[in-house]
């Protein structure tokens, strides 16, 4: 792997925006570290450190960096799709969409599908043997929660072409339309009490952040300090005077969460973060010119999604080992608890690295096909597969694997979804994407 990383790093073209690669890795790493820190596990269950110590909730304004990942996704999707458009034969934009969708989905869905299969088999075995209580049951329920991010990202990939056309025509106006739609949803939700309307903001808020990536790809974020200041001021005003909580991550027991579904306050938070990271662009770019630093970023990018998928598995594995060895688990936020944090994180990082070594091969991208190849005729099939996967992984993130055999369900918007149904949709969607990738004309 080391020689492959050196080869890729050495072949990096001078025109590549290395800072975007750094942001992708750093944002996922921050989410992983945040999850490890926030978990307050005791022999009685799993809590949230931010609920135990509410004074720490302002830290989420720095550590809730998922908007940065979606912003980077918009930038990358714009460049990738435009590159395919330049190579397309005349009149074959549908094949470009097919090639774009397939390439993006395969790299995302392969490690995700392996994760679902492995955990589904483990959950089935545990429950057939009569297990599923205590920390095991909590793990089966919570280990799938990060999959919500995969579902949202699938939607962003699928909507890239039409939203990119809107961006090219209206620029900041397209972003303003999505932001206005997000604001309208919150008004209908909080002022008019319209049921279920809040779920629309899973699309409007995250697609608005994604749209900022298009603007960055065209060099149209020219005043990042103004963007950061406006976003921070808006977020502060919305939290201070509106119905929005202080924390930018979901808190147990709260009636309103800024994350699920996302709110206008989270969109303002995203603006602040995007402006802030853009202000750091120049010094970071100089740092990334160093060969060792750049090789580290290249290596991390090659396994980032696998690490993200398995990091909660590693965390619960560490806590399970501590309980099995009768190591005392101190009260969350106590002095002894904080003293134990570095050891727990180091062990979770080591176990995550082991899981990455085992599963990283599934994150390798498939060989690209040129637009117009007969195998590129599977656009509708890939789009159907993407839709099924989106519903499947979102449903699985909500219901988890605990209760796989007893019919337990969770509401996906207004539809009850069980774990077997979510797994079936995920696997069925993945098979359709793979089938589209082979194409009817492929040999």
Protein backbone atom coordinates (compact mmCIF):
# COMPACT_ATOMS: atom_id res chain seq x y z
CA UNK A 1 0.00 0.00 0.00
CA UNK A 2 2.88 2.37 0.78
CA UNK A 3 4.33 2.11 -2.72
CA UNK A 4 0.87 2.66 -4.22
CA UNK A 5 0.38 5.78 -2.09
CA UNK A 6 3.78 7.17 -3.13
CA UNK A 7 2.93 6.48 -6.76
CA UNK A 8 -0.42 8.27 -6.52
CA UNK A 9 1.03 11.19 -4.57
CA UNK A 10 3.89 11.56 -7.05
CA UNK A 11 1.49 11.54 -10.00
CA UNK A 12 -0.69 14.33 -8.59
CA UNK A 13 -1.14 17.00 -11.29
CA UNK A 14 -0.18 20.54 -10.41
CA UNK A 15 -3.75 21.67 -11.11
CA UNK A 16 -5.30 19.45 -8.42
CA UNK A 17 -6.86 21.26 -5.48
CA UNK A 18 -5.19 19.38 -2.64
CA UNK A 19 -7.00 21.38 0.00
CA UNK A 20 -10.30 19.75 -0.98
CA UNK A 21 -8.78 16.32 -0.32
CA UNK A 22 -7.59 17.50 3.08
CA UNK A 23 -11.04 18.85 3.94
CA UNK A 24 -12.66 15.55 2.99
CA UNK A 25 -10.39 13.56 5.27
CA UNK A 26 -10.38 16.11 8.10
CA UNK A 27 -14.18 16.41 8.20
CA UNK A 28 -14.70 12.66 8.46
CA UNK A 29 -11.92 12.38 11.05
CA UNK A 30 -13.58 15.11 13.13
CA UNK A 31 -16.91 13.26 13.04
CA UNK A 32 -15.24 10.00 14.10
CA UNK A 33 -13.38 11.69 16.95
CA UNK A 34 -16.56 13.49 18.02
CA UNK A 35 -18.48 10.21 18.23
CA UNK A 36 -15.74 8.62 20.29
CA UNK A 37 -15.68 11.55 22.69
CA UNK A 38 -19.44 12.00 23.03
CA UNK A 39 -20.21 8.36 23.88
CA UNK A 40 -20.81 8.08 27.62
CA UNK A 41 -20.97 4.32 28.15
CA UNK A 42 -21.70 2.83 31.55
CA UNK A 43 -22.72 -0.70 32.58
CA UNK A 44 -26.32 0.58 32.53
CA UNK A 45 -26.32 1.90 28.97
CA UNK A 46 -25.03 4.54 26.56
CA UNK A 47 -25.52 8.26 27.06
CA UNK A 48 -24.26 11.46 25.48
CA UNK A 49 -21.51 13.48 27.11
CA UNK A 50 -23.12 16.71 25.87
CA UNK A 51 -26.28 15.84 27.80
CA UNK A 52 -24.25 15.09 30.92
CA UNK A 53 -22.29 18.35 30.60
CA UNK A 54 -24.51 20.84 28.70
CA UNK A 55 -21.79 23.50 29.02
CA UNK A 56 -19.86 21.59 26.33
CA UNK A 57 -22.59 22.02 23.71
CA UNK A 58 -21.08 25.19 22.19
CA UNK A 59 -18.17 22.98 21.06
CA UNK A 60 -20.52 21.50 18.46
CA UNK A 61 -20.25 24.81 16.59
CA UNK A 62 -16.67 23.79 15.84
CA UNK A 63 -16.88 20.00 15.80
CA UNK A 64 -20.09 19.48 13.80
CA UNK A 65 -18.26 19.54 10.48
CA UNK A 66 -20.47 17.32 8.34
CA UNK A 67 -21.50 20.38 6.28
CA UNK A 68 -17.87 20.66 5.20
CA UNK A 69 -17.96 17.13 3.76
CA UNK A 70 -21.10 17.88 1.74
CA UNK A 71 -19.56 21.16 0.58
CA UNK A 72 -16.49 19.25 -0.64
CA UNK A 73 -18.81 16.74 -2.30
CA UNK A 74 -20.43 19.50 -4.34
CA UNK A 75 -17.04 20.73 -5.52
CA UNK A 76 -15.90 17.22 -6.52
CA UNK A 77 -19.17 16.31 -8.21
CA UNK A 78 -19.11 19.47 -10.33
CA UNK A 79 -15.59 18.78 -11.56
CA UNK A 80 -16.25 15.09 -12.18
CA UNK A 81 -19.47 15.60 -14.10
CA UNK A 82 -18.05 18.39 -16.23
CA UNK A 83 -15.03 16.26 -17.05
CA UNK A 84 -17.29 13.51 -18.34
CA UNK A 85 -19.34 16.02 -20.33
CA UNK A 86 -16.21 17.21 -22.15
CA UNK A 87 -15.44 13.63 -23.19
CA UNK A 88 -18.94 12.64 -24.28
CA UNK A 89 -19.92 11.95 -27.89
CA UNK A 90 -22.42 14.42 -29.26
CA UNK A 91 -25.95 13.90 -28.04
CA UNK A 92 -25.15 11.40 -25.28
CA UNK A 93 -25.69 13.35 -22.07
CA UNK A 94 -27.79 10.50 -20.69
CA UNK A 95 -24.80 8.18 -20.98
CA UNK A 96 -22.70 10.77 -19.15
CA UNK A 97 -25.20 10.77 -16.30
CA UNK A 98 -25.13 6.99 -16.27
CA UNK A 99 -21.33 6.86 -16.14
CA UNK A 100 -21.18 9.57 -13.46
CA UNK A 101 -23.86 7.97 -11.28
CA UNK A 102 -22.38 4.52 -11.58
CA UNK A 103 -18.81 5.52 -10.80
CA UNK A 104 -19.82 7.53 -7.73
CA UNK A 105 -22.28 4.99 -6.40
CA UNK A 106 -20.08 1.95 -6.83
CA UNK A 107 -17.29 3.37 -4.72
CA UNK A 108 -19.76 4.47 -2.06
CA UNK A 109 -22.00 1.41 -2.05
CA UNK A 110 -19.46 -1.38 -2.13
CA UNK A 111 -17.98 -0.70 1.33
CA UNK A 112 -21.47 0.15 2.63
CA UNK A 113 -22.97 -3.08 1.35
CA UNK A 114 -20.16 -5.14 2.90
CA UNK A 115 -20.76 -3.36 6.21
CA UNK A 116 -24.49 -4.14 6.03
CA UNK A 117 -23.89 -7.78 5.12
CA UNK A 118 -21.34 -8.39 7.87
CA UNK A 119 -23.38 -6.70 10.58
CA UNK A 120 -26.63 -8.25 9.33
CA UNK A 121 -25.13 -11.73 9.56
CA UNK A 122 -23.68 -11.01 13.01
CA UNK A 123 -27.00 -9.62 14.28
CA UNK A 124 -28.90 -12.62 12.93
CA UNK A 125 -26.52 -15.04 14.64
CA UNK A 126 -26.64 -13.15 17.96
CA UNK A 127 -30.43 -13.09 18.01
CA UNK A 128 -30.81 -16.70 16.93
CA UNK A 129 -28.64 -17.62 19.93
CA UNK A 130 -30.91 -15.61 22.22
CA UNK A 131 -28.59 -12.61 22.68
CA UNK A 132 -29.19 -8.96 22.04
CA UNK A 133 -29.39 -7.53 25.54
CA UNK A 134 -27.14 -5.10 27.37
CA UNK A 135 -24.31 -3.45 25.47
CA UNK A 136 -24.75 -5.95 22.61
CA UNK A 137 -28.28 -4.75 22.03
CA UNK A 138 -27.20 -1.11 22.19
CA UNK A 139 -24.45 -1.83 19.66
CA UNK A 140 -26.85 -3.54 17.26
CA UNK A 141 -29.15 -0.55 17.48
CA UNK A 142 -26.59 2.25 17.23
CA UNK A 143 -23.88 0.91 14.96
CA UNK A 144 -25.93 1.74 11.86
CA UNK A 145 -26.69 5.35 12.80
CA UNK A 146 -23.91 6.89 10.64
CA UNK A 147 -25.59 5.38 7.57
CA UNK A 148 -27.89 8.43 7.40
CA UNK A 149 -24.94 10.26 5.90
CA UNK A 150 -24.61 7.67 3.11
CA UNK A 151 -28.28 8.06 2.21
CA UNK A 152 -28.09 11.84 1.99
CA UNK A 153 -24.90 11.64 -0.05
CA UNK A 154 -26.56 9.26 -2.51
CA UNK A 155 -29.25 11.88 -3.10
CA UNK A 156 -26.61 14.54 -3.71
CA UNK A 157 -24.93 12.40 -6.35
CA UNK A 158 -28.23 11.69 -8.07
CA UNK A 159 -29.28 15.37 -8.15
CA UNK A 160 -25.91 16.75 -9.25
CA UNK A 161 -26.67 17.18 -12.99
CA UNK A 162 -29.95 19.17 -12.68
CA UNK A 163 -28.68 21.26 -9.76
CA UNK A 164 -25.43 21.95 -11.59
CA UNK A 165 -27.43 23.26 -14.54
CA UNK A 166 -29.38 25.52 -12.18
CA UNK A 167 -26.11 26.73 -10.70
CA UNK A 168 -24.66 27.50 -14.13
CA UNK A 169 -27.74 29.54 -14.98
CA UNK A 170 -28.45 31.31 -11.67
CA UNK A 171 -25.27 31.04 -9.56
CA UNK A 172 -25.92 32.28 -6.05
CA UNK A 173 -29.60 32.49 -6.94
CA UNK A 174 -29.85 28.67 -7.01
CA UNK A 175 -28.36 28.49 -3.53
CA UNK A 176 -30.72 31.25 -2.34
CA UNK A 177 -33.71 29.31 -3.68
CA UNK A 178 -32.75 26.19 -1.73
CA UNK A 179 -32.05 28.24 1.40
CA UNK A 180 -35.40 29.98 1.00
CA UNK A 181 -37.11 26.61 0.66
CA UNK A 182 -35.42 25.45 3.89
CA UNK A 183 -36.64 28.60 5.66
CA UNK A 184 -40.18 28.07 4.35
CA UNK A 185 -40.18 24.50 5.65
CA UNK A 186 -39.21 25.70 9.13
CA UNK A 187 -41.95 28.35 9.09
CA UNK A 188 -44.52 25.72 8.12
CA UNK A 189 -43.13 23.40 10.78
CA UNK A 190 -42.88 25.74 13.75
CA UNK A 191 -45.44 28.44 12.98
CA UNK A 192 -48.14 26.48 11.16
CA UNK A 193 -47.59 23.03 12.66
CA UNK A 194 -47.76 21.27 9.29
CA UNK A 195 -47.03 17.57 9.96
CA UNK A 196 -44.08 15.83 8.29
CA UNK A 197 -43.04 18.94 6.36
CA UNK A 198 -39.78 19.09 8.33
CA UNK A 199 -38.45 16.02 6.50
CA UNK A 200 -38.17 18.07 3.31
CA UNK A 201 -35.20 19.80 4.89
CA UNK A 202 -33.16 16.63 4.60
CA UNK A 203 -33.10 17.66 0.94
CA UNK A 204 -33.21 21.47 1.04
CA UNK A 205 -30.58 22.07 3.76
CA UNK A 206 -28.01 19.53 2.60
CA UNK A 207 -28.47 20.30 -1.09
CA UNK A 208 -27.99 23.99 -0.31
CA UNK A 209 -24.65 23.18 1.34
CA UNK A 210 -23.81 20.96 -1.64
CA UNK A 211 -24.60 23.93 -3.91
CA UNK A 212 -21.88 25.93 -2.13
CA UNK A 213 -19.42 23.39 -3.50
CA UNK A 214 -20.53 24.27 -7.04
CA UNK A 215 -19.89 27.94 -6.27
CA UNK A 216 -16.45 27.12 -4.97
CA UNK A 217 -15.66 25.07 -8.10
CA UNK A 218 -16.32 28.19 -10.18
CA UNK A 219 -14.36 30.50 -7.87
CA UNK A 220 -17.46 32.39 -6.79
CA UNK A 221 -16.85 32.35 -3.03
CA UNK A 222 -14.75 35.50 -3.11
CA UNK A 223 -15.45 36.85 0.39
CA UNK A 224 -15.18 33.93 2.79
CA UNK A 225 -14.89 36.24 5.80
CA UNK A 226 -18.26 37.79 4.93
CA UNK A 227 -19.79 34.33 4.43
CA UNK A 228 -18.45 33.09 7.77
CA UNK A 229 -19.58 36.21 9.62
CA UNK A 230 -23.05 36.19 8.10
CA UNK A 231 -23.51 32.50 8.81
CA UNK A 232 -22.32 32.81 12.40
CA UNK A 233 -24.51 35.86 13.06
CA UNK A 234 -27.55 34.14 11.56
CA UNK A 235 -26.96 30.95 13.55
CA UNK A 236 -26.58 32.92 16.79
CA UNK A 237 -29.78 34.89 16.12
CA UNK A 238 -31.79 31.78 15.23
CA UNK A 239 -30.67 29.95 18.37
CA UNK A 240 -31.14 32.98 20.61
CA UNK A 241 -34.56 34.06 19.34
CA UNK A 242 -35.97 31.06 17.52
CA UNK A 243 -37.07 27.54 18.45
CA UNK A 244 -33.66 26.06 17.73
CA UNK A 245 -31.48 24.32 20.35
CA UNK A 246 -27.89 25.33 21.06
CA UNK A 247 -26.34 22.01 20.09
CA UNK A 248 -25.61 21.40 16.41
CA UNK A 249 -25.89 17.66 16.97
CA UNK A 250 -28.94 15.74 18.13
CA UNK A 251 -29.46 15.49 21.88
CA UNK A 252 -31.44 12.75 23.65
CA UNK A 253 -34.83 13.88 24.88
CA UNK A 254 -34.93 17.19 22.98
CA UNK A 255 -38.16 18.03 21.17
CA UNK A 256 -36.23 19.79 18.40
CA UNK A 257 -32.95 18.67 16.88
CA UNK A 258 -30.89 20.79 14.51
CA UNK A 259 -29.73 17.62 12.77
CA UNK A 260 -32.64 15.22 12.35
CA UNK A 261 -34.26 16.67 10.42
CA UNK A 262 -31.86 19.54 9.68
CA UNK A 263 -32.99 23.09 10.36
CA UNK A 264 -32.33 26.58 9.07
CA UNK A 265 -29.98 27.03 12.04
CA UNK A 266 -27.86 24.12 10.79
CA UNK A 267 -27.74 25.70 7.32
CA UNK A 268 -26.49 28.95 8.86
CA UNK A 269 -23.93 26.88 10.76
CA UNK A 270 -22.86 25.35 7.45
CA UNK A 271 -22.33 28.82 5.98
CA UNK A 272 -20.12 29.77 8.90
CA UNK A 273 -18.04 26.60 8.54
CA UNK A 274 -17.62 26.95 4.78
CA UNK A 275 -16.45 30.52 5.16
CA UNK A 276 -14.08 29.52 7.96
CA UNK A 277 -12.41 26.70 6.05
CA UNK A 278 -12.05 28.91 2.98
CA UNK A 279 -10.17 31.44 5.09
CA UNK A 280 -7.65 28.70 5.91
CA UNK A 281 -7.17 27.69 2.30
CA UNK A 282 -3.90 29.51 1.53
CA UNK A 283 -1.85 28.37 4.56
CA UNK A 284 -3.19 24.81 4.21
CA UNK A 285 -2.24 24.74 0.51
CA UNK A 286 1.35 25.64 1.42
CA UNK A 287 1.44 22.85 3.99
CA UNK A 288 0.14 20.33 1.45
CA UNK A 289 3.07 21.05 -0.86
CA UNK A 290 5.22 19.01 1.53
CA UNK A 291 5.53 15.47 0.13
CA UNK A 292 5.09 13.67 3.45
CA UNK A 293 1.98 15.66 4.34
CA UNK A 294 0.45 15.07 0.92
CA UNK A 295 1.19 11.32 1.03
CA UNK A 296 -0.61 11.14 4.38
CA UNK A 297 -3.68 12.83 2.90
CA UNK A 298 -3.64 10.52 -0.14
CA UNK A 299 -3.39 7.43 2.07
CA UNK A 300 -6.22 8.62 4.34
CA UNK A 301 -8.49 9.42 1.39
CA UNK A 302 -8.15 5.86 0.16
CA UNK A 303 -9.70 4.39 3.33
CA UNK A 304 -11.76 7.28 4.76
CA UNK A 305 -15.19 5.81 3.99
CA UNK A 306 -14.25 2.40 5.35
CA UNK A 307 -12.97 3.96 8.57
CA UNK A 308 -16.15 6.02 8.88
CA UNK A 309 -18.38 2.97 8.45
CA UNK A 310 -16.54 0.87 11.04
CA UNK A 311 -15.53 3.41 13.69
CA UNK A 312 -18.56 2.80 15.92
CA UNK A 313 -17.96 -0.92 15.67
CA UNK A 314 -14.46 -0.32 17.01
CA UNK A 315 -15.70 1.97 19.78
CA UNK A 316 -18.28 -0.53 21.06
CA UNK A 317 -15.69 -3.28 20.72
CA UNK A 318 -13.40 -1.39 23.08
CA UNK A 319 -16.16 -0.83 25.62
CA UNK A 320 -17.20 -4.47 25.35
CA UNK A 321 -13.63 -5.57 26.06
CA UNK A 322 -13.43 -3.28 29.08
CA UNK A 323 -16.64 -4.73 30.49
CA UNK A 324 -15.52 -8.29 29.77
CA UNK A 325 -12.25 -7.64 31.61
CA UNK A 326 -14.10 -6.06 34.55
CA UNK A 327 -12.33 -2.74 34.00
CA UNK A 328 -14.35 -0.11 35.91
CA UNK A 329 -16.17 2.41 33.73
CA UNK A 330 -16.14 5.72 35.63
CA UNK A 331 -19.11 8.08 35.72
CA UNK A 332 -19.17 10.16 32.52
CA UNK A 333 -17.38 13.52 32.79
CA UNK A 334 -15.74 12.58 36.10
CA UNK A 335 -11.99 13.07 36.54
CA UNK A 336 -11.42 9.33 36.19
CA UNK A 337 -13.52 9.29 33.01
CA UNK A 338 -11.46 12.07 31.41
CA UNK A 339 -8.24 10.32 32.47
CA UNK A 340 -9.43 7.19 30.64
CA UNK A 341 -10.29 9.05 27.40
CA UNK A 342 -6.81 8.91 25.73
CA UNK A 343 -6.56 5.14 26.28
CA UNK A 344 -10.07 4.49 24.96
CA UNK A 345 -9.48 6.60 21.86
CA UNK A 346 -6.10 4.97 21.19
CA UNK A 347 -7.66 1.51 21.45
CA UNK A 348 -10.61 2.50 19.24
CA UNK A 349 -8.20 3.93 16.65
CA UNK A 350 -6.13 0.73 16.67
CA UNK A 351 -9.22 -1.45 16.26
CA UNK A 352 -10.54 0.82 13.49
CA UNK A 353 -7.20 0.45 11.70
CA UNK A 354 -7.52 -3.33 11.95
CA UNK A 355 -11.03 -3.23 10.47
CA UNK A 356 -9.83 -0.90 7.71
CA UNK A 357 -7.05 -3.34 6.85
CA UNK A 358 -9.66 -6.10 6.59
CA UNK A 359 -12.21 -4.21 4.47
CA UNK A 360 -10.34 -1.46 2.60
CA UNK A 361 -10.24 -3.42 -0.65
CA UNK A 362 -13.96 -2.76 -1.14
CA UNK A 363 -13.38 0.99 -1.26
CA UNK A 364 -11.19 0.83 -4.34
CA UNK A 365 -12.92 2.50 -7.30
CA UNK A 366 -13.95 0.46 -10.29
CA UNK A 367 -12.20 1.05 -13.58
CA UNK A 368 -13.94 3.97 -15.32
CA UNK A 369 -15.77 3.53 -18.60
CA UNK A 370 -15.95 6.14 -21.28
CA UNK A 371 -19.36 7.74 -21.85
CA UNK A 372 -21.10 6.22 -24.82
CA UNK A 373 -19.81 2.68 -24.16
CA UNK A 374 -22.65 0.16 -24.41
CA UNK A 375 -22.33 -0.51 -20.67
CA UNK A 376 -23.38 3.09 -20.07
CA UNK A 377 -26.95 2.30 -21.06
CA UNK A 378 -27.88 1.45 -17.48
CA UNK A 379 -28.70 4.97 -16.30
CA UNK A 380 -32.32 4.30 -15.31
CA UNK A 381 -31.27 1.03 -13.66
CA UNK A 382 -28.56 2.82 -11.67
CA UNK A 383 -31.00 5.58 -10.69
CA UNK A 384 -33.51 3.00 -9.43
CA UNK A 385 -30.73 1.26 -7.54
CA UNK A 386 -29.66 4.55 -5.99
CA UNK A 387 -33.22 5.26 -4.84
CA UNK A 388 -33.56 1.84 -3.23
CA UNK A 389 -30.19 2.18 -1.53
CA UNK A 390 -31.09 5.65 -0.28
CA UNK A 391 -34.29 4.38 1.32
CA UNK A 392 -32.57 1.26 2.61
CA UNK A 393 -29.63 2.90 4.34
CA UNK A 394 -31.75 5.72 5.75
CA UNK A 395 -34.20 3.18 7.12
CA UNK A 396 -31.40 1.05 8.54
CA UNK A 397 -29.80 4.07 10.19
CA UNK A 398 -33.06 4.61 12.08
CA UNK A 399 -34.13 1.08 13.01
CA UNK A 400 -30.72 -0.59 13.52
CA UNK A 401 -30.11 -4.35 13.67
CA UNK A 402 -31.51 -4.97 17.14
CA UNK A 403 -34.94 -6.51 16.68
CA UNK A 404 -34.00 -8.00 13.31
CA UNK A 405 -36.28 -11.00 13.99
CA UNK A 406 -39.11 -9.47 16.02
CA UNK A 407 -40.58 -7.04 13.49
CA UNK A 408 -39.33 -3.83 15.10
CA UNK A 409 -39.83 -0.79 12.85
CA UNK A 410 -38.89 2.88 12.68
CA UNK A 411 -40.60 5.69 10.78
CA UNK A 412 -38.86 6.76 7.59
CA UNK A 413 -40.75 10.01 6.99
CA UNK A 414 -44.24 8.52 7.53
CA UNK A 415 -43.54 4.92 6.46
CA UNK A 416 -42.64 2.20 8.99
CA UNK A 417 -39.49 0.35 7.92
CA UNK A 418 -38.12 -2.85 9.48
CA UNK A 419 -34.50 -3.93 9.48
CA UNK A 420 -35.08 -6.84 7.02
CA UNK A 421 -36.88 -4.50 4.61
CA UNK A 422 -34.09 -1.91 4.89
CA UNK A 423 -31.44 -4.56 4.26
CA UNK A 424 -33.39 -5.91 1.29
CA UNK A 425 -33.68 -2.44 -0.27
CA UNK A 426 -29.99 -1.75 0.28
CA UNK A 427 -28.86 -5.04 -1.26
CA UNK A 428 -31.38 -4.85 -4.08
CA UNK A 429 -30.29 -1.31 -4.93
CA UNK A 430 -26.63 -2.30 -4.85
CA UNK A 431 -27.28 -5.22 -7.22
CA UNK A 432 -29.07 -2.90 -9.64
CA UNK A 433 -26.16 -0.45 -9.56
CA UNK A 434 -23.71 -3.30 -10.19
CA UNK A 435 -25.93 -4.62 -13.01
CA UNK A 436 -26.01 -1.16 -14.56
CA UNK A 437 -22.24 -1.07 -14.29
CA UNK A 438 -21.87 -4.24 -16.34
CA UNK A 439 -24.46 -3.14 -18.86
CA UNK A 440 -26.27 -5.29 -21.39
CA UNK A 441 -23.55 -4.83 -23.96
CA UNK A 442 -20.57 -5.53 -21.71
CA UNK A 443 -18.49 -8.65 -22.31
